[in-house]
Amino acid sequence: MYTVDLHAHTRFFHGRRALGDRFDPLGVRLLTEVAARRGLDGVATTNHDYYTPFDPAPDVATLPGIEITTDRGHVLVVGPDPPRATNPGALSPAEAVALAHDRDCAAIVAHPFRNSTVRELEDVPFDAIEVNGKHPRSQPLVEELAKERDLPLTGGSDAHYPFEVGRAYTVVEADRLTPESIVEAIRDGRVSARVSRSGFDSLLRRAYRAIHDRKGVIDALDRPTPGVGEPPGEDEESIEQ
C-alpha cells in the first residue's frame, strides 16, 4: 500500500520555458521534501504540456507524468513513458488518451468541474477521474461521475507551490511503487482518493476559492451539470471541515 500525489507541478509560474527549465530541478526537490514530511511515498510531476525526467529523490519516488491541455480541458498522463511535450489545445481528449495508452500510461480526467468539459465525453476511454485538492467541495459530484462511468478515483494536490503537496493524494494497492505498477493499479481499480482535512489545508482551500472567484475561474459547481446531478447544497466551508 502506497500513498502518492498524482498531480503536482515543479514551478509556480506558466510559460517562460527557459527560466522554468532552470528552476525545475529545485522545484522537484522542494516537492519531494514536502511530500516526505507529509508521509507520502511518491509524487508525480505533471507539468503543463511537457515532461522532464528528474533524478530519483532519496525518500520519495518521483513518478513521470504530464498534464495535457486539450481542446476541452486538462488530462493527466502518468506512467513510464509520458510524451515529452504537447501543444496546448492541439489535441482532443480522445487523442490525448490514445497518446497516453500508446505510451503505456494511464489517462486521468483532471479537475473535471473546473474549466473543463472533458467530463461530458462518454465515449473516451479514460482510466480514472481525479479528486482535485484545490476544490474538494466537488468531491460528491466527482464520485457520482466516476460511478456513472465505472471509473476509479485518484487524488492529486494540483500543487504549484511545494507547501500544497499532499492536500489530496491517491492510495495505491500495489506490492511495489513504480510507474508501471501505478498504471496497473489505476486500470485494475486498486486506487482511491483521499483529501487532507487539516486546518492548514482547509484554510488554504478557502483562500484559493476566493482567488478563483476574483479571477473568474469557471466552476461547474456554480451551476447544474446535465447528467451528473445538482451541485451540493452545502457551502464550501461546511464541506471542508
C-alpha atoms as a PDB file:
ATOM      1  CA  MET A   1       0.000   0.000   0.000  1.00  0.00           C
ATOM      2  CA  TYR A   2       1.383   3.373  -1.045  1.00  0.00           C
ATOM      3  CA  THR A   3       0.292   6.999  -0.890  1.00  0.00           C
ATOM      4  CA  VAL A   4       1.052   9.125  -3.945  1.00  0.00           C
ATOM      5  CA  ASP A   5       0.198  12.668  -5.006  1.00  0.00           C
ATOM      6  CA  LEU A   6      -0.623  12.142  -8.690  1.00  0.00           C
ATOM      7  CA  HIS A   7      -0.861  15.812  -9.707  1.00  0.00           C
ATOM      8  CA  ALA A   8       1.938  18.247  -8.883  1.00  0.00           C
ATOM      9  CA  HIS A   9       3.993  20.886 -10.675  1.00  0.00           C
ATOM     10  CA  THR A  10       7.638  21.822 -10.271  1.00  0.00           C
ATOM     11  CA  ARG A  11       7.061  25.547 -10.810  1.00  0.00           C
ATOM     12  CA  PHE A  12       4.585  28.175  -9.674  1.00  0.00           C
ATOM     13  CA  PHE A  13       4.549  30.101 -12.967  1.00  0.00           C
ATOM     14  CA  HIS A  14       3.436  29.286 -16.516  1.00  0.00           C
ATOM     15  CA  GLY A  15       5.307  29.913 -19.722  1.00  0.00           C
ATOM     16  CA  ARG A  16       8.895  31.198 -19.797  1.00  0.00           C
ATOM     17  CA  ARG A  17      10.161  27.738 -20.629  1.00  0.00           C
ATOM     18  CA  ALA A  18      13.882  28.552 -20.449  1.00  0.00           C
ATOM     19  CA  LEU A  19      13.510  30.023 -16.962  1.00  0.00           C
ATOM     20  CA  GLY A  20      11.376  27.089 -15.915  1.00  0.00           C
ATOM     21  CA  ASP A  21      13.907  24.537 -17.121  1.00  0.00           C
ATOM     22  CA  ARG A  22      16.478  26.112 -14.818  1.00  0.00           C
ATOM     23  CA  PHE A  23      14.023  26.252 -11.903  1.00  0.00           C
ATOM     24  CA  ASP A  24      12.545  22.746 -12.253  1.00  0.00           C
ATOM     25  CA  PRO A  25      15.391  20.800 -10.551  1.00  0.00           C
ATOM     26  CA  LEU A  26      14.936  22.972  -7.466  1.00  0.00           C
ATOM     27  CA  GLY A  27      11.165  22.710  -7.756  1.00  0.00           C
ATOM     28  CA  VAL A  28      11.143  18.925  -7.800  1.00  0.00           C
ATOM     29  CA  ARG A  29      13.495  18.774  -4.814  1.00  0.00           C
ATOM     30  CA  LEU A  30      11.148  21.009  -2.830  1.00  0.00           C
ATOM     31  CA  LEU A  31       8.143  18.908  -3.899  1.00  0.00           C
ATOM     32  CA  THR A  32       9.719  15.686  -2.698  1.00  0.00           C
ATOM     33  CA  GLU A  33      10.889  17.228   0.574  1.00  0.00           C
ATOM     34  CA  VAL A  34       7.357  18.369   1.414  1.00  0.00           C
ATOM     35  CA  ALA A  35       5.913  15.036   0.257  1.00  0.00           C
ATOM     36  CA  ALA A  36       8.282  13.240   2.625  1.00  0.00           C
ATOM     37  CA  ARG A  37       7.202  15.468   5.515  1.00  0.00           C
ATOM     38  CA  ARG A  38       3.586  14.702   4.664  1.00  0.00           C
ATOM     39  CA  GLY A  39       4.364  10.982   4.851  1.00  0.00           C
ATOM     40  CA  LEU A  40       3.751  10.345   1.164  1.00  0.00           C
ATOM     41  CA  ASP A  41       5.575   7.596  -0.702  1.00  0.00           C
ATOM     42  CA  GLY A  42       5.596   9.282  -4.106  1.00  0.00           C
ATOM     43  CA  VAL A  43       4.698  12.336  -6.162  1.00  0.00           C
ATOM     44  CA  ALA A  44       4.042  12.604  -9.903  1.00  0.00           C
ATOM     45  CA  THR A  45       5.477  15.591 -11.746  1.00  0.00           C
ATOM     46  CA  THR A  46       2.698  16.608 -14.139  1.00  0.00           C
ATOM     47  CA  ASN A  47       3.819  19.905 -15.617  1.00  0.00           C
ATOM     48  CA  HIS A  48       1.659  21.643 -18.185  1.00  0.00           C
ATOM     49  CA  ASP A  49       2.343  20.207 -21.640  1.00  0.00           C
ATOM     50  CA  TYR A  50       5.876  18.990 -21.017  1.00  0.00           C
ATOM     51  CA  TYR A  51       7.697  16.206 -19.198  1.00  0.00           C
ATOM     52  CA  THR A  52      11.236  16.324 -17.864  1.00  0.00           C
ATOM     53  CA  PRO A  53      12.939  13.287 -16.277  1.00  0.00           C
ATOM     54  CA  PHE A  54      14.318  14.030 -12.817  1.00  0.00           C
ATOM     55  CA  ASP A  55      16.913  12.263 -10.712  1.00  0.00           C
ATOM     56  CA  PRO A  56      15.386   9.967  -8.074  1.00  0.00           C
ATOM     57  CA  ALA A  57      14.812  11.510  -4.653  1.00  0.00           C
ATOM     58  CA  PRO A  58      16.179   9.643  -1.609  1.00  0.00           C
ATOM     59  CA  ASP A  59      12.928   9.238   0.350  1.00  0.00           C
ATOM     60  CA  VAL A  60      10.056   9.814  -2.100  1.00  0.00           C
ATOM     61  CA  ALA A  61       9.527   8.269  -5.530  1.00  0.00           C
ATOM     62  CA  THR A  62       9.351  10.807  -8.358  1.00  0.00           C
ATOM     63  CA  LEU A  63       6.920   9.470 -10.949  1.00  0.00           C
ATOM     64  CA  PRO A  64       6.784  10.589 -14.602  1.00  0.00           C
ATOM     65  CA  GLY A  65       3.778  12.484 -15.863  1.00  0.00           C
ATOM     66  CA  ILE A  66       2.401  15.382 -17.879  1.00  0.00           C
ATOM     67  CA  GLU A  67      -0.787  17.468 -17.773  1.00  0.00           C
ATOM     68  CA  ILE A  68      -2.017  17.797 -21.338  1.00  0.00           C
ATOM     69  CA  THR A  69      -4.087  20.839 -22.244  1.00  0.00           C
ATOM     70  CA  THR A  70      -6.680  19.505 -24.682  1.00  0.00           C
ATOM     71  CA  ASP A  71      -9.301  21.495 -26.552  1.00  0.00           C
ATOM     72  CA  ARG A  72     -11.832  20.586 -23.841  1.00  0.00           C
ATOM     73  CA  GLY A  73      -9.752  20.738 -20.651  1.00  0.00           C
ATOM     74  CA  HIS A  74      -6.853  19.020 -18.923  1.00  0.00           C
ATOM     75  CA  VAL A  75      -5.904  15.353 -18.970  1.00  0.00           C
ATOM     76  CA  LEU A  76      -3.295  13.881 -16.633  1.00  0.00           C
ATOM     77  CA  VAL A  77      -0.999  11.283 -18.161  1.00  0.00           C
ATOM     78  CA  VAL A  78       1.011   9.218 -15.677  1.00  0.00           C
ATOM     79  CA  GLY A  79       3.220   6.239 -16.396  1.00  0.00           C
ATOM     80  CA  PRO A  80       6.609   5.036 -17.550  1.00  0.00           C
ATOM     81  CA  ASP A  81       6.825   6.971 -20.827  1.00  0.00           C
ATOM     82  CA  PRO A  82       4.703  10.146 -20.990  1.00  0.00           C
ATOM     83  CA  PRO A  83       5.128  12.370 -24.049  1.00  0.00           C
ATOM     84  CA  ARG A  84       7.950  14.896 -23.675  1.00  0.00           C
ATOM     85  CA  ALA A  85       5.836  17.799 -24.950  1.00  0.00           C
ATOM     86  CA  THR A  86       2.404  18.629 -26.339  1.00  0.00           C
ATOM     87  CA  ASN A  87       0.983  21.767 -27.923  1.00  0.00           C
ATOM     88  CA  PRO A  88      -1.662  23.358 -25.676  1.00  0.00           C
ATOM     89  CA  GLY A  89      -5.127  22.935 -27.182  1.00  0.00           C
ATOM     90  CA  ALA A  90      -3.891  20.923 -30.170  1.00  0.00           C
ATOM     91  CA  LEU A  91      -5.219  17.536 -29.034  1.00  0.00           C
ATOM     92  CA  SER A  92      -8.752  16.417 -28.334  1.00  0.00           C
ATOM     93  CA  PRO A  93      -9.318  14.424 -25.135  1.00  0.00           C
ATOM     94  CA  ALA A  94      -9.657  11.265 -27.239  1.00  0.00           C
ATOM     95  CA  GLU A  95      -6.307  11.952 -28.895  1.00  0.00           C
ATOM     96  CA  ALA A  96      -4.673  12.633 -25.540  1.00  0.00           C
ATOM     97  CA  VAL A  97      -5.972   9.340 -24.156  1.00  0.00           C
ATOM     98  CA  ALA A  98      -4.823   7.442 -27.251  1.00  0.00           C
ATOM     99  CA  LEU A  99      -1.381   9.015 -26.903  1.00  0.00           C
ATOM    100  CA  ALA A 100      -1.237   8.004 -23.232  1.00  0.00           C
ATOM    101  CA  HIS A 101      -2.249   4.433 -23.963  1.00  0.00           C
ATOM    102  CA  ASP A 102       0.214   4.140 -26.844  1.00  0.00           C
ATOM    103  CA  ARG A 103       2.946   5.002 -24.334  1.00  0.00           C
ATOM    104  CA  ASP A 104       1.693   2.559 -21.662  1.00  0.00           C
ATOM    105  CA  CYS A 105       0.435   5.379 -19.432  1.00  0.00           C
ATOM    106  CA  ALA A 106      -2.828   5.989 -17.599  1.00  0.00           C
ATOM    107  CA  ALA A 107      -5.086   8.873 -18.660  1.00  0.00           C
ATOM    108  CA  ILE A 108      -6.986  10.697 -15.898  1.00  0.00           C
ATOM    109  CA  VAL A 109      -9.626  13.427 -16.146  1.00  0.00           C
ATOM    110  CA  ALA A 110      -8.082  16.356 -14.238  1.00  0.00           C
ATOM    111  CA  HIS A 111     -10.260  18.652 -12.073  1.00  0.00           C
ATOM    112  CA  PRO A 112     -13.425  17.686 -14.010  1.00  0.00           C
ATOM    113  CA  PHE A 113     -15.528  20.527 -12.591  1.00  0.00           C
ATOM    114  CA  ARG A 114     -13.126  23.422 -13.120  1.00  0.00           C
ATOM    115  CA  ASN A 115     -12.502  24.980 -16.540  1.00  0.00           C
ATOM    116  CA  SER A 116     -13.243  21.685 -18.260  1.00  0.00           C
ATOM    117  CA  THR A 117     -15.906  19.909 -20.282  1.00  0.00           C
ATOM    118  CA  VAL A 118     -13.871  16.719 -20.650  1.00  0.00           C
ATOM    119  CA  ARG A 119     -16.256  15.034 -18.200  1.00  0.00           C
ATOM    120  CA  GLU A 120     -19.075  15.311 -20.755  1.00  0.00           C
ATOM    121  CA  LEU A 121     -17.361  12.904 -23.170  1.00  0.00           C
ATOM    122  CA  GLU A 122     -18.810   9.475 -22.506  1.00  0.00           C
ATOM    123  CA  ASP A 123     -17.078   7.567 -25.293  1.00  0.00           C
ATOM    124  CA  VAL A 124     -13.453   8.423 -24.414  1.00  0.00           C
ATOM    125  CA  PRO A 125     -11.713   5.513 -22.607  1.00  0.00           C
ATOM    126  CA  PHE A 126     -10.275   7.337 -19.602  1.00  0.00           C
ATOM    127  CA  ASP A 127      -8.682   5.252 -16.863  1.00  0.00           C
ATOM    128  CA  ALA A 128      -9.744   7.351 -13.852  1.00  0.00           C
ATOM    129  CA  ILE A 129     -11.206  10.645 -12.664  1.00  0.00           C
ATOM    130  CA  GLU A 130      -9.437  12.993 -10.286  1.00  0.00           C
ATOM    131  CA  VAL A 131     -10.459  14.418  -6.940  1.00  0.00           C
ATOM    132  CA  ASN A 132      -8.522  17.676  -7.053  1.00  0.00           C
ATOM    133  CA  GLY A 133      -7.033  19.211  -3.925  1.00  0.00           C
ATOM    134  CA  LYS A 134      -7.788  22.796  -4.910  1.00  0.00           C
ATOM    135  CA  HIS A 135     -11.555  22.370  -4.583  1.00  0.00           C
ATOM    136  CA  PRO A 136     -12.617  19.186  -2.757  1.00  0.00           C
ATOM    137  CA  ARG A 137     -16.148  20.531  -2.419  1.00  0.00           C
ATOM    138  CA  SER A 138     -16.613  18.999  -5.877  1.00  0.00           C
ATOM    139  CA  GLN A 139     -15.872  15.530  -4.491  1.00  0.00           C
ATOM    140  CA  PRO A 140     -19.544  14.420  -4.273  1.00  0.00           C
ATOM    141  CA  LEU A 141     -20.047  15.265  -7.950  1.00  0.00           C
ATOM    142  CA  VAL A 142     -16.763  13.615  -8.925  1.00  0.00           C
ATOM    143  CA  GLU A 143     -17.769  10.459  -7.067  1.00  0.00           C
ATOM    144  CA  GLU A 144     -21.141  10.440  -8.818  1.00  0.00           C
ATOM    145  CA  LEU A 145     -19.476  10.928 -12.185  1.00  0.00           C
ATOM    146  CA  ALA A 146     -16.969   8.142 -11.527  1.00  0.00           C
ATOM    147  CA  LYS A 147     -19.774   5.800 -10.500  1.00  0.00           C
ATOM    148  CA  GLU A 148     -21.726   6.542 -13.674  1.00  0.00           C
ATOM    149  CA  ARG A 149     -18.635   5.936 -15.830  1.00  0.00           C
ATOM    150  CA  ASP A 150     -17.473   2.942 -13.747  1.00  0.00           C
ATOM    151  CA  LEU A 151     -14.048   4.523 -13.251  1.00  0.00           C
ATOM    152  CA  PRO A 152     -11.813   4.677 -10.171  1.00  0.00           C
ATOM    153  CA  LEU A 153     -10.921   7.877  -8.361  1.00  0.00           C
ATOM    154  CA  THR A 154      -7.425   9.249  -7.945  1.00  0.00           C
ATOM    155  CA  GLY A 155      -6.331  12.167  -5.800  1.00  0.00           C
ATOM    156  CA  GLY A 156      -3.891  14.934  -6.598  1.00  0.00           C
ATOM    157  CA  SER A 157      -3.000  18.220  -4.954  1.00  0.00           C
ATOM    158  CA  ASP A 158      -2.516  20.189  -8.198  1.00  0.00           C
ATOM    159  CA  ALA A 159       0.356  21.812  -6.315  1.00  0.00           C
ATOM    160  CA  HIS A 160       2.148  24.709  -7.954  1.00  0.00           C
ATOM    161  CA  TYR A 161       3.839  25.659  -4.697  1.00  0.00           C
ATOM    162  CA  PRO A 162       5.618  22.999  -2.615  1.00  0.00           C
ATOM    163  CA  PHE A 163       3.529  23.635   0.509  1.00  0.00           C
ATOM    164  CA  GLU A 164       0.434  22.484  -1.412  1.00  0.00           C
ATOM    165  CA  VAL A 165       1.687  18.927  -1.907  1.00  0.00           C
ATOM    166  CA  GLY A 166      -0.469  16.240  -0.316  1.00  0.00           C
ATOM    167  CA  ARG A 167      -3.672  18.218   0.153  1.00  0.00           C
ATOM    168  CA  ALA A 168      -5.180  15.430  -1.978  1.00  0.00           C
ATOM    169  CA  TYR A 169      -3.480  12.145  -2.809  1.00  0.00           C
ATOM    170  CA  THR A 170      -4.031   8.598  -4.022  1.00  0.00           C
ATOM    171  CA  VAL A 171      -3.878   5.374  -2.040  1.00  0.00           C
ATOM    172  CA  VAL A 172      -2.399   2.694  -4.306  1.00  0.00           C
ATOM    173  CA  GLU A 173      -2.719  -1.014  -3.596  1.00  0.00           C
ATOM    174  CA  ALA A 174       0.469  -2.468  -5.034  1.00  0.00           C
ATOM    175  CA  ASP A 175       3.417  -4.604  -3.985  1.00  0.00           C
ATOM    176  CA  ARG A 176       5.932  -2.076  -5.302  1.00  0.00           C
ATOM    177  CA  LEU A 177       5.915   1.554  -6.316  1.00  0.00           C
ATOM    178  CA  THR A 178       6.899   2.032  -9.951  1.00  0.00           C
ATOM    179  CA  PRO A 179       5.337   3.917 -12.871  1.00  0.00           C
ATOM    180  CA  GLU A 180       4.217   0.575 -14.295  1.00  0.00           C
ATOM    181  CA  SER A 181       2.615  -0.573 -11.048  1.00  0.00           C
ATOM    182  CA  ILE A 182       0.758   2.749 -10.722  1.00  0.00           C
ATOM    183  CA  VAL A 183      -0.725   2.312 -14.200  1.00  0.00           C
ATOM    184  CA  GLU A 184      -1.720  -1.282 -13.448  1.00  0.00           C
ATOM    185  CA  ALA A 185      -3.340  -0.309 -10.148  1.00  0.00           C
ATOM    186  CA  ILE A 186      -5.330   2.505 -11.768  1.00  0.00           C
ATOM    187  CA  ARG A 187      -6.597   0.256 -14.548  1.00  0.00           C
ATOM    188  CA  ASP A 188      -7.467  -2.511 -12.076  1.00  0.00           C
ATOM    189  CA  GLY A 189      -9.308  -0.092  -9.790  1.00  0.00           C
ATOM    190  CA  ARG A 190      -6.863  -0.621  -6.925  1.00  0.00           C
ATOM    191  CA  VAL A 191      -6.698   3.089  -6.134  1.00  0.00           C
ATOM    192  CA  SER A 192      -8.731   5.501  -4.046  1.00  0.00           C
ATOM    193  CA  ALA A 193      -8.687   9.241  -3.448  1.00  0.00           C
ATOM    194  CA  ARG A 194      -8.021  10.960  -0.137  1.00  0.00           C
ATOM    195  CA  VAL A 195      -8.318  14.640   0.820  1.00  0.00           C
ATOM    196  CA  SER A 196      -6.407  16.179   3.700  1.00  0.00           C
ATOM    197  CA  ARG A 197      -8.760  17.854   6.173  1.00  0.00           C
ATOM    198  CA  SER A 198      -6.137  19.588   8.307  1.00  0.00           C
ATOM    199  CA  GLY A 199      -6.764  23.133   9.454  1.00  0.00           C
ATOM    200  CA  PHE A 200      -3.976  24.418   7.218  1.00  0.00           C
ATOM    201  CA  ASP A 201      -5.378  22.679   4.127  1.00  0.00           C
ATOM    202  CA  SER A 202      -8.911  23.906   4.797  1.00  0.00           C
ATOM    203  CA  LEU A 203      -7.659  27.473   5.182  1.00  0.00           C
ATOM    204  CA  LEU A 204      -5.608  27.109   2.009  1.00  0.00           C
ATOM    205  CA  ARG A 205      -8.617  25.905   0.020  1.00  0.00           C
ATOM    206  CA  ARG A 206     -10.771  28.807   1.191  1.00  0.00           C
ATOM    207  CA  ALA A 207      -8.025  31.185   0.092  1.00  0.00           C
ATOM    208  CA  TYR A 208      -7.862  29.588  -3.343  1.00  0.00           C
ATOM    209  CA  ARG A 209     -11.611  29.692  -3.675  1.00  0.00           C
ATOM    210  CA  ALA A 210     -11.514  33.453  -3.108  1.00  0.00           C
ATOM    211  CA  ILE A 211      -8.688  33.829  -5.634  1.00  0.00           C
ATOM    212  CA  HIS A 212     -10.566  31.784  -8.240  1.00  0.00           C
ATOM    213  CA  ASP A 213     -13.687  33.876  -7.706  1.00  0.00           C
ATOM    214  CA  ARG A 214     -11.707  37.055  -8.322  1.00  0.00           C
ATOM    215  CA  LYS A 215     -10.084  35.582 -11.425  1.00  0.00           C
ATOM    216  CA  GLY A 216     -13.423  34.407 -12.797  1.00  0.00           C
ATOM    217  CA  VAL A 217     -12.400  30.744 -12.924  1.00  0.00           C
ATOM    218  CA  ILE A 218     -15.256  28.685 -14.357  1.00  0.00           C
ATOM    219  CA  ASP A 219     -16.502  26.313 -11.685  1.00  0.00           C
ATOM    220  CA  ALA A 220     -19.258  23.884 -12.655  1.00  0.00           C
ATOM    221  CA  LEU A 221     -20.351  23.719  -9.025  1.00  0.00           C
ATOM    222  CA  ASP A 222     -21.956  27.086  -9.547  1.00  0.00           C
ATOM    223  CA  ARG A 223     -24.458  25.637 -11.989  1.00  0.00           C
ATOM    224  CA  PRO A 224     -26.209  22.298 -12.635  1.00  0.00           C
ATOM    225  CA  THR A 225     -24.372  19.785 -14.798  1.00  0.00           C
ATOM    226  CA  PRO A 226     -26.552  17.773 -17.192  1.00  0.00           C
ATOM    227  CA  GLY A 227     -26.495  14.067 -16.459  1.00  0.00           C
ATOM    228  CA  VAL A 228     -24.413  14.407 -13.298  1.00  0.00           C
ATOM    229  CA  GLY A 229     -26.865  15.815 -10.781  1.00  0.00           C
ATOM    230  CA  GLU A 230     -27.197  19.104  -8.955  1.00  0.00           C
ATOM    231  CA  PRO A 231     -24.417  20.895  -7.094  1.00  0.00           C
ATOM    232  CA  PRO A 232     -24.258  20.148  -3.357  1.00  0.00           C
ATOM    233  CA  GLY A 233     -26.286  22.448  -1.167  1.00  0.00           C
ATOM    234  CA  GLU A 234     -23.596  22.956   1.492  1.00  0.00           C
ATOM    235  CA  ASP A 235     -21.233  25.865   1.259  1.00  0.00           C
ATOM    236  CA  GLU A 236     -17.528  25.208   0.846  1.00  0.00           C
ATOM    237  CA  GLU A 237     -16.578  25.665   4.475  1.00  0.00           C
ATOM    238  CA  SER A 238     -19.132  23.167   5.718  1.00  0.00           C
ATOM    239  CA  ILE A 239     -17.954  20.518   3.291  1.00  0.00           C
ATOM    240  CA  GLU A 240     -14.275  21.017   4.016  1.00  0.00           C
ATOM    241  CA  GLN A 241     -14.437  20.805   7.784  1.00  0.00           C
END
